[in-house]
Amino acid sequence: MNLKQFDLDGLSTLWLVSRSNIEFRATIENELQMQISNNKNFSREFIFKITKILNHALGVHFIPSSEAHKLYGAFIVIDMLLNDDELIEMTKNYSSNPPKNSHGLVRATASNGLSEEQLKLLAETGFSTQDILRTENYK
């Protein structure tokens, strides 16, 4: 099977249903890792817009086998954490014409089922925007 024909959603579905086939799952994970490195579907400014401009909570589904998936699980609901310098940067990027999009680490708080250790790691280190499979916003 040529896994290169699948997008991240398709590969994630294959990964979920391949639990009993360890060899195939490992092959899927390799392809997921290659696609994660090129994933620019979500930016820090997108997360900023949802959590700070619209003031909504953001549900984040992580790509299976990604670092964020390993650290925080398949899904978390977040609010972005920003220091003063980051707030200025995000505001400038969001307000520029055309808006600038950056990718990288996002620090956050979470409102669902993480341990104290995971919450601390999320607040201090965060997760990469490249690890995001899809999102949901909540009013």
C-alpha atoms as a PDB file:
ATOM      1  CA  MET A   1       0.000   0.000   0.000  1.00  0.00           C
ATOM      2  CA  ASN A   2       1.344   3.415  -0.963  1.00  0.00           C
ATOM      3  CA  LEU A   3       0.857   5.538   2.172  1.00  0.00           C
ATOM      4  CA  LYS A   4       2.072   8.692   0.421  1.00  0.00           C
ATOM      5  CA  GLN A   5      -1.352   8.973  -1.216  1.00  0.00           C
ATOM      6  CA  PHE A   6      -2.999   9.591   2.172  1.00  0.00           C
ATOM      7  CA  ASP A   7      -3.285  12.977   3.888  1.00  0.00           C
ATOM      8  CA  LEU A   8      -2.897  13.410   7.652  1.00  0.00           C
ATOM      9  CA  ASP A   9      -6.572  12.588   8.306  1.00  0.00           C
ATOM     10  CA  GLY A  10      -6.384   9.400   6.282  1.00  0.00           C
ATOM     11  CA  LEU A  11      -3.138   8.307   7.900  1.00  0.00           C
ATOM     12  CA  SER A  12      -4.549   9.074  11.350  1.00  0.00           C
ATOM     13  CA  THR A  13      -7.562   6.885  10.640  1.00  0.00           C
ATOM     14  CA  LEU A  14      -5.343   4.065   9.400  1.00  0.00           C
ATOM     15  CA  TRP A  15      -3.177   4.424  12.524  1.00  0.00           C
ATOM     16  CA  LEU A  16      -6.238   4.174  14.790  1.00  0.00           C
ATOM     17  CA  VAL A  17      -7.548   0.997  13.157  1.00  0.00           C
ATOM     18  CA  SER A  18      -4.173  -0.747  12.865  1.00  0.00           C
ATOM     19  CA  ARG A  19      -3.678  -1.551  16.557  1.00  0.00           C
ATOM     20  CA  SER A  20      -3.365  -5.281  16.022  1.00  0.00           C
ATOM     21  CA  ASN A  21      -0.855  -4.981  13.169  1.00  0.00           C
ATOM     22  CA  ILE A  22       2.260  -3.574  14.841  1.00  0.00           C
ATOM     23  CA  GLU A  23       4.427  -3.685  11.704  1.00  0.00           C
ATOM     24  CA  PHE A  24       1.856  -1.808   9.596  1.00  0.00           C
ATOM     25  CA  ARG A  25       1.305   0.712  12.388  1.00  0.00           C
ATOM     26  CA  ALA A  26       5.049   1.413  12.521  1.00  0.00           C
ATOM     27  CA  THR A  27       5.022   2.047   8.757  1.00  0.00           C
ATOM     28  CA  ILE A  28       2.098   4.445   9.190  1.00  0.00           C
ATOM     29  CA  GLU A  29       3.948   6.225  12.006  1.00  0.00           C
ATOM     30  CA  ASN A  30       6.965   6.726   9.736  1.00  0.00           C
ATOM     31  CA  GLU A  31       4.772   8.334   7.080  1.00  0.00           C
ATOM     32  CA  LEU A  32       3.023  10.462   9.718  1.00  0.00           C
ATOM     33  CA  GLN A  33       6.399  11.724  10.934  1.00  0.00           C
ATOM     34  CA  MET A  34       7.371  12.745   7.401  1.00  0.00           C
ATOM     35  CA  GLN A  35       4.092  14.611   6.934  1.00  0.00           C
ATOM     36  CA  ILE A  36       4.266  16.271  10.374  1.00  0.00           C
ATOM     37  CA  SER A  37       7.524  17.961   9.409  1.00  0.00           C
ATOM     38  CA  ASN A  38       5.713  19.694   6.517  1.00  0.00           C
ATOM     39  CA  ASN A  39       2.427  20.394   8.320  1.00  0.00           C
ATOM     40  CA  LYS A  40       1.636  24.116   8.100  1.00  0.00           C
ATOM     41  CA  ASN A  41      -2.162  23.760   8.396  1.00  0.00           C
ATOM     42  CA  PHE A  42      -2.373  25.716  11.654  1.00  0.00           C
ATOM     43  CA  SER A  43      -0.450  28.793  12.753  1.00  0.00           C
ATOM     44  CA  ARG A  44       0.193  30.421  16.090  1.00  0.00           C
ATOM     45  CA  GLU A  45      -1.844  33.396  14.832  1.00  0.00           C
ATOM     46  CA  PHE A  46      -4.833  31.130  14.127  1.00  0.00           C
ATOM     47  CA  ILE A  47      -4.718  29.938  17.747  1.00  0.00           C
ATOM     48  CA  PHE A  48      -4.287  33.547  18.902  1.00  0.00           C
ATOM     49  CA  LYS A  49      -7.359  34.628  16.916  1.00  0.00           C
ATOM     50  CA  ILE A  50      -9.590  31.892  18.338  1.00  0.00           C
ATOM     51  CA  THR A  51      -8.434  32.066  21.967  1.00  0.00           C
ATOM     52  CA  LYS A  52      -7.641  35.775  22.395  1.00  0.00           C
ATOM     53  CA  ILE A  53      -9.537  37.768  19.752  1.00  0.00           C
ATOM     54  CA  LEU A  54     -12.727  35.670  19.719  1.00  0.00           C
ATOM     55  CA  ASN A  55     -12.219  34.570  23.347  1.00  0.00           C
ATOM     56  CA  HIS A  56     -13.186  30.967  22.615  1.00  0.00           C
ATOM     57  CA  ALA A  57     -11.702  27.786  23.970  1.00  0.00           C
ATOM     58  CA  LEU A  58      -9.964  25.756  21.272  1.00  0.00           C
ATOM     59  CA  GLY A  59     -10.159  21.993  21.022  1.00  0.00           C
ATOM     60  CA  VAL A  60      -6.976  20.574  19.522  1.00  0.00           C
ATOM     61  CA  HIS A  61      -6.735  17.084  18.039  1.00  0.00           C
ATOM     62  CA  PHE A  62      -3.123  15.929  17.761  1.00  0.00           C
ATOM     63  CA  ILE A  63      -1.673  13.789  15.000  1.00  0.00           C
ATOM     64  CA  PRO A  64      -1.149  10.213  16.229  1.00  0.00           C
ATOM     65  CA  SER A  65       2.495   9.483  17.065  1.00  0.00           C
ATOM     66  CA  SER A  66       3.346  13.215  17.187  1.00  0.00           C
ATOM     67  CA  GLU A  67       5.273  14.528  20.187  1.00  0.00           C
ATOM     68  CA  ALA A  68       2.173  16.374  21.432  1.00  0.00           C
ATOM     69  CA  HIS A  69       0.054  13.224  21.093  1.00  0.00           C
ATOM     70  CA  LYS A  70       2.612  11.335  23.178  1.00  0.00           C
ATOM     71  CA  LEU A  71       2.749  14.080  25.844  1.00  0.00           C
ATOM     72  CA  TYR A  72      -0.879  15.237  26.093  1.00  0.00           C
ATOM     73  CA  GLY A  73      -3.016  12.571  24.438  1.00  0.00           C
ATOM     74  CA  ALA A  74      -5.210  12.716  21.363  1.00  0.00           C
ATOM     75  CA  PHE A  75      -7.251  15.796  22.317  1.00  0.00           C
ATOM     76  CA  ILE A  76      -7.082  18.794  24.643  1.00  0.00           C
ATOM     77  CA  VAL A  77      -9.073  22.006  25.059  1.00  0.00           C
ATOM     78  CA  ILE A  78      -6.762  24.998  25.415  1.00  0.00           C
ATOM     79  CA  ASP A  79      -6.375  28.692  26.026  1.00  0.00           C
ATOM     80  CA  MET A  80      -3.138  30.150  24.636  1.00  0.00           C
ATOM     81  CA  LEU A  81      -0.609  31.545  27.116  1.00  0.00           C
ATOM     82  CA  LEU A  82       1.417  34.585  26.044  1.00  0.00           C
ATOM     83  CA  ASN A  83       3.978  36.753  27.789  1.00  0.00           C
ATOM     84  CA  ASP A  84       4.051  40.486  26.984  1.00  0.00           C
ATOM     85  CA  ASP A  85       6.537  40.128  24.107  1.00  0.00           C
ATOM     86  CA  GLU A  86       4.568  37.267  22.564  1.00  0.00           C
ATOM     87  CA  LEU A  87       1.327  39.248  22.868  1.00  0.00           C
ATOM     88  CA  ILE A  88       2.904  42.166  20.991  1.00  0.00           C
ATOM     89  CA  GLU A  89       4.270  39.810  18.311  1.00  0.00           C
ATOM     90  CA  MET A  90       0.935  38.012  17.845  1.00  0.00           C
ATOM     91  CA  THR A  91      -0.983  41.302  17.703  1.00  0.00           C
ATOM     92  CA  LYS A  92       1.392  42.704  15.054  1.00  0.00           C
ATOM     93  CA  ASN A  93       1.295  39.518  12.991  1.00  0.00           C
ATOM     94  CA  TYR A  94      -2.493  39.254  13.206  1.00  0.00           C
ATOM     95  CA  SER A  95      -2.997  42.945  12.357  1.00  0.00           C
ATOM     96  CA  SER A  96      -0.534  43.137   9.467  1.00  0.00           C
ATOM     97  CA  ASN A  97      -1.845  43.288   5.920  1.00  0.00           C
ATOM     98  CA  PRO A  98      -1.671  40.566   4.788  1.00  0.00           C
ATOM     99  CA  PRO A  99      -1.625  38.787   8.160  1.00  0.00           C
ATOM    100  CA  LYS A 100       1.607  36.957   8.981  1.00  0.00           C
ATOM    101  CA  ASN A 101       1.473  33.327  10.021  1.00  0.00           C
ATOM    102  CA  SER A 102       4.149  31.738  12.168  1.00  0.00           C
ATOM    103  CA  HIS A 103       4.579  28.132  13.168  1.00  0.00           C
ATOM    104  CA  GLY A 104       6.229  26.731  16.233  1.00  0.00           C
ATOM    105  CA  LEU A 105       5.561  26.189  19.903  1.00  0.00           C
ATOM    106  CA  VAL A 106       2.337  27.218  21.599  1.00  0.00           C
ATOM    107  CA  ARG A 107       2.130  27.400  25.372  1.00  0.00           C
ATOM    108  CA  ALA A 108      -1.328  26.966  26.855  1.00  0.00           C
ATOM    109  CA  THR A 109      -3.583  26.065  29.726  1.00  0.00           C
ATOM    110  CA  ALA A 110      -5.905  23.085  29.331  1.00  0.00           C
ATOM    111  CA  SER A 111      -9.323  22.405  30.770  1.00  0.00           C
ATOM    112  CA  ASN A 112      -9.622  18.672  30.349  1.00  0.00           C
ATOM    113  CA  GLY A 113      -8.076  15.785  32.194  1.00  0.00           C
ATOM    114  CA  LEU A 114      -4.332  16.418  32.163  1.00  0.00           C
ATOM    115  CA  SER A 115      -2.137  15.621  35.146  1.00  0.00           C
ATOM    116  CA  GLU A 116      -0.394  18.403  37.075  1.00  0.00           C
ATOM    117  CA  GLU A 117       2.867  17.416  35.379  1.00  0.00           C
ATOM    118  CA  GLN A 118       1.275  17.624  31.907  1.00  0.00           C
ATOM    119  CA  LEU A 119      -0.311  20.994  32.729  1.00  0.00           C
ATOM    120  CA  LYS A 120       3.048  22.351  33.848  1.00  0.00           C
ATOM    121  CA  LEU A 121       4.740  21.080  30.687  1.00  0.00           C
ATOM    122  CA  LEU A 122       1.973  22.555  28.522  1.00  0.00           C
ATOM    123  CA  ALA A 123       2.323  25.945  30.227  1.00  0.00           C
ATOM    124  CA  GLU A 124       6.123  26.022  30.141  1.00  0.00           C
ATOM    125  CA  THR A 125       6.993  24.216  26.891  1.00  0.00           C
ATOM    126  CA  GLY A 126       3.739  23.736  25.005  1.00  0.00           C
ATOM    127  CA  PHE A 127       3.309  21.899  21.725  1.00  0.00           C
ATOM    128  CA  SER A 128       4.228  22.456  18.087  1.00  0.00           C
ATOM    129  CA  THR A 129       1.654  23.752  15.628  1.00  0.00           C
ATOM    130  CA  GLN A 130       2.953  21.028  13.281  1.00  0.00           C
ATOM    131  CA  ASP A 131       1.468  18.399  15.631  1.00  0.00           C
ATOM    132  CA  ILE A 132      -2.121  19.637  15.126  1.00  0.00           C
ATOM    133  CA  LEU A 133      -4.430  17.420  13.086  1.00  0.00           C
ATOM    134  CA  ARG A 134      -7.611  19.516  13.414  1.00  0.00           C
ATOM    135  CA  THR A 135      -9.307  21.968  15.768  1.00  0.00           C
ATOM    136  CA  GLU A 136     -12.748  22.827  17.154  1.00  0.00           C
ATOM    137  CA  ASN A 137     -13.721  26.172  18.674  1.00  0.00           C
ATOM    138  CA  TYR A 138     -16.047  26.505  21.646  1.00  0.00           C
ATOM    139  CA  LYS A 139     -17.862  29.690  22.641  1.00  0.00           C
END
